[in-house]
Amino acid sequence: MNEEEILMLTIALPKGRILKDALDLLQEAGYESPFSIQDSRKLIFTHKDTTFILVKPADVVTYVEHGVADVGIAGKDVLMEEDRDVYELLDLKISPCYIAVAGLPSYQDTGVMTKIATKYPNIALTYFKSKGKQVEIIKLNGSIELAPLINLADQIVDIVSTGTTLKENGLVEYEKIVSITSRLIVNPVSYQMKDERVGNLIERFEKVIEKQKIKG
């Protein structure tokens, strides 16, 4: 690996709702991130000594774990769901939401095993076990709200941001499981090999977070 490769820092950014918050944070931290990334179909952007790759939120951890990206911005939900070999360095305090149990307002627990539809099977199973409740987990990758409406499941466990999607589908929230924000993660090898670059990124982010905390 030559010196130029060592100095180049690759950052994995999640598509979707977290992206704008992530780009705003980078700009506040003094990084000249390619804001045109939001309006482009390109997936790789390089500016000076930093490369940004745009990936699905659930894949950020994979890219960082395998060293394709040195660091990444990932939701705490992904980190809780999957046991991956990455370091979680900093709570960025962006894109706040939470994971909750929800379902139809008419649902009544009959005492038989409850069917839970979710894209977070590990989080859901751990939560219901802590409650001493046995459940059947049905893994879905999207449109989780549909499950109670067509009797695929009794309840769902899913991310809630505003609650609008639940309401629009006639569902109500039963219980909040855990609050979620986005985190800065790093590949263990990159943490050692590019410690100055990673350390500088952390310092910049911490200053922005502290400034926002004072404003708030």
N, C-alpha and C. Protein backbone atom coordinates (compact mmCIF):
# COMPACT_ATOMS: atom_id res chain seq x y z
N MET A 1 0.86 -1.20 0.00
CA MET A 1 0.00 0.00 0.00
C MET A 1 0.89 1.25 0.00
N ASN A 2 0.71 2.14 -0.97
CA ASN A 2 1.54 3.32 -1.02
C ASN A 2 0.99 4.43 -0.15
N GLU A 3 1.78 5.51 0.00
CA GLU A 3 1.40 6.59 0.91
C GLU A 3 0.10 7.25 0.50
N GLU A 4 -0.14 7.41 -0.81
CA GLU A 4 -1.36 8.06 -1.29
C GLU A 4 -2.60 7.26 -0.87
N GLU A 5 -2.50 5.90 -0.95
CA GLU A 5 -3.62 5.05 -0.59
C GLU A 5 -3.89 5.12 0.91
N ILE A 6 -2.81 5.24 1.70
CA ILE A 6 -2.97 5.31 3.15
C ILE A 6 -3.69 6.60 3.55
N LEU A 7 -3.36 7.69 2.87
CA LEU A 7 -3.93 8.99 3.22
C LEU A 7 -5.38 9.14 2.74
N MET A 8 -5.75 8.43 1.69
CA MET A 8 -7.12 8.52 1.18
C MET A 8 -8.09 7.89 2.18
N LEU A 9 -9.13 8.61 2.53
CA LEU A 9 -10.13 8.10 3.45
C LEU A 9 -11.43 7.86 2.69
N THR A 10 -11.96 6.66 2.80
CA THR A 10 -13.21 6.32 2.13
C THR A 10 -14.34 6.24 3.16
N ILE A 11 -15.40 7.01 2.90
CA ILE A 11 -16.53 7.10 3.82
C ILE A 11 -17.78 6.53 3.15
N ALA A 12 -18.40 5.56 3.80
CA ALA A 12 -19.65 4.99 3.30
C ALA A 12 -20.83 5.76 3.86
N LEU A 13 -21.67 6.28 2.97
CA LEU A 13 -22.84 7.06 3.37
C LEU A 13 -24.11 6.29 3.01
N PRO A 14 -25.11 6.31 3.90
CA PRO A 14 -26.35 5.58 3.63
C PRO A 14 -27.32 6.37 2.76
N LYS A 15 -27.91 5.68 1.79
CA LYS A 15 -28.96 6.31 1.00
C LYS A 15 -30.19 6.54 1.89
N GLY A 16 -31.15 7.29 1.36
CA GLY A 16 -32.42 7.44 2.08
C GLY A 16 -32.45 8.58 3.07
N ARG A 17 -33.23 8.38 4.14
CA ARG A 17 -33.55 9.49 5.05
C ARG A 17 -32.34 10.01 5.82
N ILE A 18 -31.31 9.18 6.01
CA ILE A 18 -30.15 9.62 6.80
C ILE A 18 -29.20 10.47 5.97
N LEU A 19 -29.25 10.33 4.65
CA LEU A 19 -28.25 10.96 3.79
C LEU A 19 -28.15 12.47 3.96
N LYS A 20 -29.27 13.17 3.94
CA LYS A 20 -29.23 14.63 4.06
C LYS A 20 -28.61 15.05 5.39
N ASP A 21 -29.02 14.39 6.48
CA ASP A 21 -28.45 14.72 7.79
C ASP A 21 -26.94 14.45 7.81
N ALA A 22 -26.53 13.37 7.17
CA ALA A 22 -25.11 13.02 7.12
C ALA A 22 -24.31 14.06 6.34
N LEU A 23 -24.85 14.50 5.21
CA LEU A 23 -24.17 15.51 4.39
C LEU A 23 -24.11 16.86 5.11
N ASP A 24 -25.19 17.21 5.80
CA ASP A 24 -25.19 18.45 6.59
C ASP A 24 -24.12 18.40 7.68
N LEU A 25 -24.00 17.24 8.32
CA LEU A 25 -23.01 17.07 9.37
C LEU A 25 -21.59 17.21 8.81
N LEU A 26 -21.35 16.60 7.66
CA LEU A 26 -20.03 16.69 7.02
C LEU A 26 -19.70 18.12 6.64
N GLN A 27 -20.69 18.85 6.14
CA GLN A 27 -20.46 20.24 5.77
C GLN A 27 -20.15 21.09 7.01
N GLU A 28 -20.91 20.87 8.07
CA GLU A 28 -20.67 21.58 9.33
C GLU A 28 -19.28 21.28 9.87
N ALA A 29 -18.81 20.06 9.61
CA ALA A 29 -17.50 19.63 10.11
C ALA A 29 -16.36 20.11 9.22
N GLY A 30 -16.69 20.81 8.13
CA GLY A 30 -15.66 21.37 7.27
C GLY A 30 -15.24 20.51 6.10
N TYR A 31 -15.99 19.43 5.85
CA TYR A 31 -15.68 18.57 4.71
C TYR A 31 -16.42 19.07 3.47
N GLU A 32 -15.70 19.17 2.38
CA GLU A 32 -16.32 19.61 1.13
C GLU A 32 -16.94 18.40 0.45
N SER A 33 -17.97 17.88 1.09
CA SER A 33 -18.63 16.69 0.54
C SER A 33 -19.43 17.05 -0.70
N PRO A 34 -19.55 16.13 -1.62
CA PRO A 34 -20.26 16.41 -2.89
C PRO A 34 -21.76 16.42 -2.68
N PHE A 35 -22.33 17.58 -2.43
CA PHE A 35 -23.75 17.65 -2.13
C PHE A 35 -24.61 17.29 -3.35
N SER A 36 -24.00 17.28 -4.54
CA SER A 36 -24.73 16.85 -5.73
C SER A 36 -25.03 15.36 -5.67
N ILE A 37 -24.45 14.69 -4.68
CA ILE A 37 -24.67 13.25 -4.52
C ILE A 37 -26.15 12.92 -4.38
N GLN A 38 -26.92 13.85 -3.82
CA GLN A 38 -28.36 13.63 -3.60
C GLN A 38 -29.14 13.63 -4.90
N ASP A 39 -28.60 14.32 -5.92
CA ASP A 39 -29.32 14.46 -7.18
C ASP A 39 -28.67 13.67 -8.31
N SER A 40 -27.76 12.77 -7.97
CA SER A 40 -27.02 12.03 -8.98
C SER A 40 -27.26 10.53 -8.84
N ARG A 41 -27.07 9.82 -9.93
CA ARG A 41 -27.16 8.36 -9.90
C ARG A 41 -25.78 7.73 -9.66
N LYS A 42 -24.76 8.57 -9.59
CA LYS A 42 -23.42 8.06 -9.30
C LYS A 42 -23.36 7.52 -7.87
N LEU A 43 -22.51 6.55 -7.67
CA LEU A 43 -22.39 5.92 -6.36
C LEU A 43 -21.04 6.18 -5.70
N ILE A 44 -20.08 6.71 -6.47
CA ILE A 44 -18.76 7.00 -5.93
C ILE A 44 -18.38 8.44 -6.28
N PHE A 45 -17.97 9.20 -5.26
CA PHE A 45 -17.56 10.58 -5.43
C PHE A 45 -16.22 10.78 -4.71
N THR A 46 -15.25 11.37 -5.40
CA THR A 46 -13.95 11.63 -4.77
C THR A 46 -13.66 13.13 -4.80
N HIS A 47 -13.29 13.66 -3.65
CA HIS A 47 -12.92 15.07 -3.55
C HIS A 47 -11.64 15.17 -2.74
N LYS A 48 -10.58 15.62 -3.41
CA LYS A 48 -9.26 15.73 -2.78
C LYS A 48 -8.84 14.38 -2.20
N ASP A 49 -8.70 14.28 -0.86
CA ASP A 49 -8.21 13.05 -0.26
C ASP A 49 -9.32 12.22 0.40
N THR A 50 -10.56 12.46 -0.03
CA THR A 50 -11.69 11.73 0.56
C THR A 50 -12.59 11.18 -0.54
N THR A 51 -12.93 9.91 -0.43
CA THR A 51 -13.87 9.27 -1.34
C THR A 51 -15.15 8.94 -0.58
N PHE A 52 -16.29 9.26 -1.19
CA PHE A 52 -17.60 8.95 -0.59
C PHE A 52 -18.26 7.89 -1.46
N ILE A 53 -18.75 6.83 -0.82
CA ILE A 53 -19.52 5.82 -1.56
C ILE A 53 -20.93 5.78 -0.98
N LEU A 54 -21.89 5.69 -1.86
CA LEU A 54 -23.30 5.74 -1.48
C LEU A 54 -23.88 4.33 -1.54
N VAL A 55 -24.37 3.81 -0.40
CA VAL A 55 -24.85 2.43 -0.34
C VAL A 55 -26.16 2.36 0.44
N LYS A 56 -26.82 1.22 0.38
CA LYS A 56 -28.03 1.03 1.16
C LYS A 56 -27.68 1.07 2.65
N PRO A 57 -28.55 1.64 3.47
CA PRO A 57 -28.26 1.77 4.91
C PRO A 57 -27.82 0.47 5.58
N ALA A 58 -28.48 -0.64 5.23
CA ALA A 58 -28.16 -1.91 5.86
C ALA A 58 -26.80 -2.45 5.41
N ASP A 59 -26.26 -1.90 4.30
CA ASP A 59 -25.00 -2.40 3.76
C ASP A 59 -23.78 -1.61 4.22
N VAL A 60 -23.99 -0.48 4.87
CA VAL A 60 -22.87 0.35 5.32
C VAL A 60 -21.91 -0.48 6.18
N VAL A 61 -22.45 -1.23 7.12
CA VAL A 61 -21.62 -2.02 8.03
C VAL A 61 -20.81 -3.05 7.25
N THR A 62 -21.39 -3.65 6.22
CA THR A 62 -20.68 -4.65 5.42
C THR A 62 -19.48 -4.04 4.71
N TYR A 63 -19.68 -2.88 4.10
CA TYR A 63 -18.58 -2.22 3.39
C TYR A 63 -17.45 -1.85 4.35
N VAL A 64 -17.81 -1.38 5.54
CA VAL A 64 -16.79 -1.01 6.53
C VAL A 64 -16.10 -2.25 7.09
N GLU A 65 -16.87 -3.28 7.39
CA GLU A 65 -16.29 -4.50 7.95
C GLU A 65 -15.26 -5.12 7.01
N HIS A 66 -15.53 -5.08 5.71
CA HIS A 66 -14.62 -5.69 4.74
C HIS A 66 -13.53 -4.74 4.26
N GLY A 67 -13.51 -3.52 4.81
CA GLY A 67 -12.44 -2.59 4.50
C GLY A 67 -12.57 -1.87 3.18
N VAL A 68 -13.68 -2.04 2.49
CA VAL A 68 -13.92 -1.29 1.25
C VAL A 68 -14.10 0.19 1.59
N ALA A 69 -14.71 0.46 2.73
CA ALA A 69 -14.80 1.80 3.29
C ALA A 69 -14.06 1.80 4.63
N ASP A 70 -13.35 2.89 4.90
CA ASP A 70 -12.64 3.00 6.18
C ASP A 70 -13.62 3.28 7.32
N VAL A 71 -14.51 4.22 7.06
CA VAL A 71 -15.51 4.59 8.06
C VAL A 71 -16.88 4.65 7.40
N GLY A 72 -17.92 4.71 8.20
CA GLY A 72 -19.26 4.79 7.66
C GLY A 72 -20.21 5.40 8.68
N ILE A 73 -21.35 5.81 8.19
CA ILE A 73 -22.42 6.33 9.05
C ILE A 73 -23.57 5.34 8.98
N ALA A 74 -23.85 4.71 10.12
CA ALA A 74 -24.85 3.63 10.16
C ALA A 74 -25.82 3.85 11.31
N GLY A 75 -27.06 3.44 11.10
CA GLY A 75 -28.06 3.53 12.15
C GLY A 75 -27.76 2.53 13.26
N LYS A 76 -28.05 2.91 14.49
CA LYS A 76 -27.83 2.01 15.62
C LYS A 76 -28.66 0.74 15.48
N ASP A 77 -29.79 0.83 14.78
CA ASP A 77 -30.62 -0.35 14.58
C ASP A 77 -29.87 -1.45 13.83
N VAL A 78 -29.09 -1.06 12.82
CA VAL A 78 -28.32 -2.03 12.05
C VAL A 78 -27.24 -2.66 12.92
N LEU A 79 -26.60 -1.84 13.75
CA LEU A 79 -25.53 -2.33 14.62
C LEU A 79 -26.08 -3.27 15.69
N MET A 80 -27.27 -2.99 16.17
CA MET A 80 -27.89 -3.86 17.17
C MET A 80 -28.34 -5.18 16.56
N GLU A 81 -28.80 -5.13 15.33
CA GLU A 81 -29.34 -6.33 14.68
C GLU A 81 -28.24 -7.29 14.25
N GLU A 82 -27.10 -6.75 13.83
CA GLU A 82 -26.04 -7.59 13.28
C GLU A 82 -24.76 -7.46 14.08
N ASP A 83 -24.18 -8.60 14.43
CA ASP A 83 -22.92 -8.63 15.17
C ASP A 83 -21.77 -8.58 14.16
N ARG A 84 -21.21 -7.40 13.94
CA ARG A 84 -20.17 -7.22 12.93
C ARG A 84 -18.85 -6.76 13.54
N ASP A 85 -17.77 -7.03 12.82
CA ASP A 85 -16.44 -6.68 13.29
C ASP A 85 -16.09 -5.25 12.87
N VAL A 86 -16.72 -4.29 13.53
CA VAL A 86 -16.43 -2.87 13.33
C VAL A 86 -16.40 -2.19 14.70
N TYR A 87 -15.76 -1.04 14.76
CA TYR A 87 -15.76 -0.25 15.99
C TYR A 87 -16.81 0.84 15.88
N GLU A 88 -17.63 0.97 16.90
CA GLU A 88 -18.58 2.08 16.98
C GLU A 88 -17.92 3.20 17.76
N LEU A 89 -17.65 4.32 17.08
CA LEU A 89 -16.83 5.38 17.67
C LEU A 89 -17.60 6.52 18.29
N LEU A 90 -18.73 6.88 17.68
CA LEU A 90 -19.38 8.12 18.10
C LEU A 90 -20.87 8.12 17.76
N ASP A 91 -21.66 8.59 18.72
CA ASP A 91 -23.08 8.83 18.46
C ASP A 91 -23.19 10.20 17.80
N LEU A 92 -23.59 10.22 16.55
CA LEU A 92 -23.63 11.46 15.78
C LEU A 92 -24.87 12.30 16.07
N LYS A 93 -25.83 11.74 16.79
CA LYS A 93 -27.03 12.47 17.20
C LYS A 93 -27.89 12.93 16.02
N ILE A 94 -27.78 12.24 14.88
CA ILE A 94 -28.58 12.63 13.72
C ILE A 94 -29.61 11.56 13.40
N SER A 95 -30.63 11.97 12.66
CA SER A 95 -31.71 11.06 12.21
C SER A 95 -32.32 10.27 13.36
N PRO A 96 -32.76 10.96 14.41
CA PRO A 96 -33.35 10.23 15.56
C PRO A 96 -34.67 9.55 15.20
N CYS A 97 -34.86 8.37 15.71
CA CYS A 97 -36.09 7.62 15.54
C CYS A 97 -36.11 6.57 16.64
N TYR A 98 -36.97 5.58 16.53
CA TYR A 98 -36.97 4.52 17.53
C TYR A 98 -37.61 3.27 16.96
N ILE A 99 -37.33 2.15 17.60
CA ILE A 99 -37.95 0.88 17.21
C ILE A 99 -39.11 0.62 18.16
N ALA A 100 -40.25 0.25 17.61
CA ALA A 100 -41.45 0.06 18.42
C ALA A 100 -42.22 -1.18 18.00
N VAL A 101 -43.07 -1.63 18.90
CA VAL A 101 -44.04 -2.69 18.62
C VAL A 101 -45.34 -2.01 18.24
N ALA A 102 -45.97 -2.44 17.16
CA ALA A 102 -47.21 -1.81 16.71
C ALA A 102 -48.15 -2.86 16.12
N GLY A 103 -49.39 -2.44 15.90
CA GLY A 103 -50.37 -3.35 15.31
C GLY A 103 -51.72 -2.68 15.21
N LEU A 104 -52.73 -3.47 14.94
CA LEU A 104 -54.09 -2.93 14.84
C LEU A 104 -54.63 -2.59 16.23
N PRO A 105 -55.41 -1.51 16.34
CA PRO A 105 -55.97 -1.13 17.64
C PRO A 105 -56.92 -2.17 18.20
N SER A 106 -57.45 -3.02 17.35
CA SER A 106 -58.43 -4.03 17.79
C SER A 106 -57.76 -5.31 18.29
N TYR A 107 -56.43 -5.40 18.18
CA TYR A 107 -55.75 -6.64 18.54
C TYR A 107 -55.87 -6.95 20.02
N GLN A 108 -56.16 -8.19 20.35
CA GLN A 108 -56.22 -8.64 21.74
C GLN A 108 -55.36 -9.89 21.90
N ASP A 109 -54.54 -9.89 22.92
CA ASP A 109 -53.66 -11.03 23.19
C ASP A 109 -54.50 -12.19 23.73
N THR A 110 -54.54 -13.28 22.98
CA THR A 110 -55.37 -14.44 23.36
C THR A 110 -54.58 -15.47 24.17
N GLY A 111 -53.29 -15.21 24.36
CA GLY A 111 -52.49 -16.15 25.13
C GLY A 111 -51.74 -17.15 24.28
N VAL A 112 -52.12 -17.28 23.01
CA VAL A 112 -51.38 -18.17 22.10
C VAL A 112 -50.16 -17.42 21.59
N MET A 113 -49.25 -18.14 20.94
CA MET A 113 -48.01 -17.54 20.49
C MET A 113 -48.29 -16.41 19.48
N THR A 114 -47.74 -15.23 19.76
CA THR A 114 -47.94 -14.06 18.91
C THR A 114 -46.99 -14.08 17.72
N LYS A 115 -47.54 -13.77 16.54
CA LYS A 115 -46.72 -13.68 15.34
C LYS A 115 -46.24 -12.24 15.16
N ILE A 116 -44.94 -12.09 15.01
CA ILE A 116 -44.33 -10.76 14.89
C ILE A 116 -43.64 -10.64 13.54
N ALA A 117 -44.06 -9.69 12.72
CA ALA A 117 -43.40 -9.42 11.45
C ALA A 117 -42.39 -8.28 11.63
N THR A 118 -41.18 -8.45 11.10
CA THR A 118 -40.15 -7.44 11.29
C THR A 118 -38.96 -7.67 10.36
N LYS A 119 -38.21 -6.62 10.13
CA LYS A 119 -36.92 -6.79 9.45
C LYS A 119 -35.79 -6.80 10.48
N TYR A 120 -36.18 -6.80 11.77
CA TYR A 120 -35.22 -6.86 12.87
C TYR A 120 -35.48 -8.09 13.74
N PRO A 121 -35.29 -9.30 13.22
CA PRO A 121 -35.62 -10.51 13.98
C PRO A 121 -34.84 -10.65 15.29
N ASN A 122 -33.57 -10.28 15.29
CA ASN A 122 -32.76 -10.42 16.51
C ASN A 122 -33.18 -9.44 17.59
N ILE A 123 -33.42 -8.19 17.18
CA ILE A 123 -33.87 -7.18 18.14
C ILE A 123 -35.23 -7.57 18.72
N ALA A 124 -36.13 -8.00 17.84
CA ALA A 124 -37.48 -8.37 18.29
C ALA A 124 -37.44 -9.56 19.23
N LEU A 125 -36.68 -10.59 18.86
CA LEU A 125 -36.62 -11.80 19.69
C LEU A 125 -36.01 -11.50 21.05
N THR A 126 -34.95 -10.71 21.07
CA THR A 126 -34.31 -10.33 22.34
C THR A 126 -35.28 -9.56 23.23
N TYR A 127 -36.03 -8.65 22.62
CA TYR A 127 -36.97 -7.84 23.38
C TYR A 127 -38.06 -8.69 24.01
N PHE A 128 -38.69 -9.55 23.22
CA PHE A 128 -39.80 -10.35 23.75
C PHE A 128 -39.31 -11.40 24.74
N LYS A 129 -38.09 -11.89 24.56
CA LYS A 129 -37.52 -12.81 25.54
C LYS A 129 -37.34 -12.12 26.88
N SER A 130 -36.92 -10.84 26.84
CA SER A 130 -36.74 -10.07 28.07
C SER A 130 -38.06 -9.86 28.79
N LYS A 131 -39.15 -9.97 28.04
CA LYS A 131 -40.50 -9.84 28.61
C LYS A 131 -41.05 -11.20 29.03
N GLY A 132 -40.26 -12.25 28.79
CA GLY A 132 -40.72 -13.60 29.12
C GLY A 132 -41.82 -14.10 28.21
N LYS A 133 -41.82 -13.58 26.98
CA LYS A 133 -42.89 -13.92 26.04
C LYS A 133 -42.34 -14.66 24.83
N GLN A 134 -42.94 -15.79 24.49
CA GLN A 134 -42.55 -16.53 23.30
C GLN A 134 -43.31 -16.00 22.09
N VAL A 135 -42.57 -15.76 21.01
CA VAL A 135 -43.19 -15.24 19.80
C VAL A 135 -42.66 -15.99 18.59
N GLU A 136 -43.43 -15.93 17.52
CA GLU A 136 -42.97 -16.46 16.23
C GLU A 136 -42.56 -15.27 15.37
N ILE A 137 -41.31 -15.27 14.94
CA ILE A 137 -40.79 -14.16 14.14
C ILE A 137 -40.94 -14.45 12.65
N ILE A 138 -41.54 -13.50 11.94
CA ILE A 138 -41.66 -13.58 10.48
C ILE A 138 -40.79 -12.49 9.88
N LYS A 139 -39.72 -12.87 9.19
CA LYS A 139 -38.77 -11.91 8.64
C LYS A 139 -39.29 -11.33 7.33
N LEU A 140 -39.38 -10.00 7.30
CA LEU A 140 -39.76 -9.28 6.09
C LEU A 140 -38.70 -8.22 5.80
N ASN A 141 -38.58 -7.83 4.54
CA ASN A 141 -37.59 -6.82 4.17
C ASN A 141 -38.19 -5.45 3.89
N GLY A 142 -39.51 -5.38 3.79
CA GLY A 142 -40.16 -4.10 3.53
C GLY A 142 -41.66 -4.21 3.66
N SER A 143 -42.34 -3.05 3.64
CA SER A 143 -43.80 -2.99 3.78
C SER A 143 -44.26 -3.78 5.01
N ILE A 144 -43.57 -3.56 6.12
CA ILE A 144 -43.87 -4.29 7.35
C ILE A 144 -45.30 -4.02 7.82
N GLU A 145 -45.79 -2.80 7.59
CA GLU A 145 -47.12 -2.41 8.06
C GLU A 145 -48.23 -3.25 7.43
N LEU A 146 -47.94 -3.86 6.31
CA LEU A 146 -48.94 -4.66 5.62
C LEU A 146 -49.29 -5.94 6.38
N ALA A 147 -48.35 -6.47 7.14
CA ALA A 147 -48.51 -7.79 7.76
C ALA A 147 -49.76 -7.93 8.63
N PRO A 148 -50.06 -6.99 9.55
CA PRO A 148 -51.28 -7.15 10.35
C PRO A 148 -52.57 -6.96 9.54
N LEU A 149 -52.46 -6.21 8.45
CA LEU A 149 -53.64 -5.89 7.66
C LEU A 149 -54.14 -7.09 6.86
N ILE A 150 -53.23 -8.02 6.56
CA ILE A 150 -53.61 -9.20 5.77
C ILE A 150 -53.47 -10.49 6.60
N ASN A 151 -53.39 -10.30 7.93
CA ASN A 151 -53.33 -11.44 8.87
C ASN A 151 -52.09 -12.32 8.71
N LEU A 152 -51.02 -11.73 8.20
CA LEU A 152 -49.75 -12.46 8.17
C LEU A 152 -49.13 -12.51 9.57
N ALA A 153 -49.35 -11.42 10.33
CA ALA A 153 -48.79 -11.33 11.68
C ALA A 153 -49.76 -10.60 12.58
N ASP A 154 -49.58 -10.80 13.89
CA ASP A 154 -50.42 -10.10 14.87
C ASP A 154 -49.89 -8.70 15.16
N GLN A 155 -48.57 -8.59 15.20
CA GLN A 155 -47.92 -7.33 15.51
C GLN A 155 -46.70 -7.16 14.63
N ILE A 156 -46.16 -5.95 14.64
CA ILE A 156 -44.92 -5.70 13.92
C ILE A 156 -43.91 -5.04 14.85
N VAL A 157 -42.64 -5.19 14.53
CA VAL A 157 -41.57 -4.45 15.18
C VAL A 157 -40.85 -3.71 14.08
N ASP A 158 -40.85 -2.37 14.16
CA ASP A 158 -40.29 -1.60 13.05
C ASP A 158 -39.79 -0.24 13.53
N ILE A 159 -39.04 0.42 12.66
CA ILE A 159 -38.57 1.78 12.91
C ILE A 159 -39.74 2.75 12.83
N VAL A 160 -39.80 3.68 13.78
CA VAL A 160 -40.81 4.74 13.76
C VAL A 160 -40.09 6.08 13.80
N SER A 161 -40.42 6.94 12.86
CA SER A 161 -39.82 8.27 12.82
C SER A 161 -40.85 9.32 13.25
N THR A 162 -41.89 9.48 12.44
CA THR A 162 -42.96 10.42 12.76
C THR A 162 -44.24 9.73 13.19
N GLY A 163 -44.37 8.47 12.85
CA GLY A 163 -45.59 7.74 13.15
C GLY A 163 -46.64 7.85 12.07
N THR A 164 -46.34 8.63 11.04
CA THR A 164 -47.31 8.87 9.96
C THR A 164 -47.67 7.58 9.21
N THR A 165 -46.67 6.77 8.91
CA THR A 165 -46.92 5.53 8.17
C THR A 165 -47.83 4.58 8.95
N LEU A 166 -47.63 4.50 10.25
CA LEU A 166 -48.50 3.67 11.08
C LEU A 166 -49.95 4.17 11.00
N LYS A 167 -50.11 5.48 11.18
CA LYS A 167 -51.46 6.06 11.18
C LYS A 167 -52.15 5.87 9.83
N GLU A 168 -51.40 6.07 8.76
CA GLU A 168 -51.99 5.96 7.42
C GLU A 168 -52.45 4.54 7.12
N ASN A 169 -51.88 3.57 7.82
CA ASN A 169 -52.26 2.17 7.62
C ASN A 169 -53.14 1.65 8.76
N GLY A 170 -53.67 2.57 9.58
CA GLY A 170 -54.59 2.19 10.64
C GLY A 170 -53.98 1.43 11.79
N LEU A 171 -52.67 1.58 11.99
CA LEU A 171 -51.98 0.89 13.07
C LEU A 171 -51.67 1.83 14.22
N VAL A 172 -51.49 1.26 15.40
CA VAL A 172 -51.13 2.05 16.57
C VAL A 172 -49.87 1.47 17.21
N GLU A 173 -49.17 2.33 17.91
CA GLU A 173 -47.96 1.90 18.60
C GLU A 173 -48.32 1.32 19.97
N TYR A 174 -47.76 0.14 20.28
CA TYR A 174 -48.00 -0.50 21.57
C TYR A 174 -46.90 -0.18 22.59
N GLU A 175 -45.67 -0.42 22.17
CA GLU A 175 -44.54 -0.25 23.08
C GLU A 175 -43.32 0.27 22.32
N LYS A 176 -42.55 1.13 22.98
CA LYS A 176 -41.28 1.59 22.43
C LYS A 176 -40.18 0.66 22.93
N ILE A 177 -39.35 0.17 22.01
CA ILE A 177 -38.28 -0.75 22.39
C ILE A 177 -36.98 -0.01 22.69
N VAL A 178 -36.52 0.82 21.74
CA VAL A 178 -35.24 1.50 21.94
C VAL A 178 -35.13 2.71 21.02
N SER A 179 -34.47 3.76 21.51
CA SER A 179 -34.22 4.94 20.68
C SER A 179 -33.04 4.67 19.75
N ILE A 180 -33.09 5.26 18.57
CA ILE A 180 -32.08 5.02 17.54
C ILE A 180 -31.55 6.36 17.00
N THR A 181 -30.23 6.44 16.87
CA THR A 181 -29.59 7.54 16.15
C THR A 181 -28.52 6.94 15.24
N SER A 182 -27.90 7.76 14.41
CA SER A 182 -26.85 7.27 13.52
C SER A 182 -25.49 7.36 14.21
N ARG A 183 -24.64 6.38 13.91
CA ARG A 183 -23.34 6.28 14.57
C ARG A 183 -22.20 6.29 13.55
N LEU A 184 -21.04 6.76 13.99
CA LEU A 184 -19.83 6.69 13.17
C LEU A 184 -19.14 5.37 13.49
N ILE A 185 -18.91 4.56 12.47
CA ILE A 185 -18.23 3.28 12.66
C ILE A 185 -16.96 3.25 11.82
N VAL A 186 -16.00 2.39 12.21
CA VAL A 186 -14.72 2.32 11.52
C VAL A 186 -14.26 0.88 11.40
N ASN A 187 -13.55 0.61 10.33
CA ASN A 187 -12.91 -0.69 10.14
C ASN A 187 -11.73 -0.79 11.11
N PRO A 188 -11.57 -1.89 11.84
CA PRO A 188 -10.48 -2.02 12.83
C PRO A 188 -9.08 -1.77 12.27
N VAL A 189 -8.82 -2.26 11.04
CA VAL A 189 -7.50 -2.05 10.43
C VAL A 189 -7.31 -0.58 10.07
N SER A 190 -8.33 0.04 9.51
CA SER A 190 -8.26 1.46 9.16
C SER A 190 -8.05 2.31 10.41
N TYR A 191 -8.63 1.87 11.51
CA TYR A 191 -8.50 2.61 12.78
C TYR A 191 -7.04 2.68 13.21
N GLN A 192 -6.26 1.66 12.87
CA GLN A 192 -4.84 1.64 13.20
C GLN A 192 -4.00 2.30 12.11
N MET A 193 -4.29 1.96 10.86
CA MET A 193 -3.47 2.43 9.75
C MET A 193 -3.71 3.90 9.40
N LYS A 194 -4.94 4.35 9.63
CA LYS A 194 -5.29 5.74 9.27
C LYS A 194 -5.78 6.48 10.51
N ASP A 195 -5.09 6.26 11.62
CA ASP A 195 -5.53 6.80 12.91
C ASP A 195 -5.62 8.32 12.92
N GLU A 196 -4.69 9.01 12.21
CA GLU A 196 -4.73 10.47 12.20
C GLU A 196 -5.93 10.98 11.43
N ARG A 197 -6.22 10.37 10.28
CA ARG A 197 -7.38 10.78 9.49
C ARG A 197 -8.68 10.52 10.25
N VAL A 198 -8.77 9.32 10.83
CA VAL A 198 -9.98 8.96 11.58
C VAL A 198 -10.12 9.83 12.82
N GLY A 199 -9.02 10.06 13.50
CA GLY A 199 -9.04 10.90 14.70
C GLY A 199 -9.48 12.32 14.39
N ASN A 200 -9.01 12.85 13.26
CA ASN A 200 -9.40 14.20 12.84
C ASN A 200 -10.89 14.27 12.53
N LEU A 201 -11.41 13.21 11.89
CA LEU A 201 -12.84 13.15 11.57
C LEU A 201 -13.67 13.15 12.85
N ILE A 202 -13.24 12.38 13.83
CA ILE A 202 -13.95 12.31 15.11
C ILE A 202 -13.95 13.67 15.80
N GLU A 203 -12.79 14.33 15.83
CA GLU A 203 -12.68 15.65 16.47
C GLU A 203 -13.63 16.65 15.83
N ARG A 204 -13.67 16.66 14.51
CA ARG A 204 -14.54 17.60 13.79
C ARG A 204 -16.01 17.34 14.10
N PHE A 205 -16.38 16.06 14.09
CA PHE A 205 -17.76 15.71 14.39
C PHE A 205 -18.12 16.08 15.83
N GLU A 206 -17.21 15.83 16.75
CA GLU A 206 -17.48 16.14 18.16
C GLU A 206 -17.70 17.63 18.38
N LYS A 207 -16.96 18.46 17.66
CA LYS A 207 -17.13 19.91 17.78
C LYS A 207 -18.51 20.33 17.28
N VAL A 208 -18.94 19.74 16.16
CA VAL A 208 -20.27 20.05 15.62
C VAL A 208 -21.36 19.61 16.58
N ILE A 209 -21.23 18.40 17.13
CA ILE A 209 -22.22 17.86 18.06
C ILE A 209 -22.31 18.73 19.32
N GLU A 210 -21.16 19.17 19.82
CA GLU A 210 -21.12 20.01 21.02
C GLU A 210 -21.76 21.37 20.74
N LYS A 211 -21.48 21.92 19.55
CA LYS A 211 -22.05 23.21 19.16
C LYS A 211 -23.58 23.11 19.08
N GLN A 212 -24.06 22.02 18.47
CA GLN A 212 -25.51 21.82 18.34
C GLN A 212 -26.16 21.60 19.71
N LYS A 213 -25.42 20.95 20.59
CA LYS A 213 -25.92 20.70 21.95
C LYS A 213 -26.12 22.02 22.70
N ILE A 214 -25.15 22.93 22.52
CA ILE A 214 -25.23 24.25 23.17
C ILE A 214 -26.41 25.05 22.60
N LYS A 215 -26.57 24.98 21.26
CA LYS A 215 -27.68 25.69 20.62
C LYS A 215 -29.03 25.14 21.10
N GLY A 216 -29.07 23.81 21.25
CA GLY A 216 -30.33 23.15 21.63
C GLY A 216 -30.69 23.36 23.07
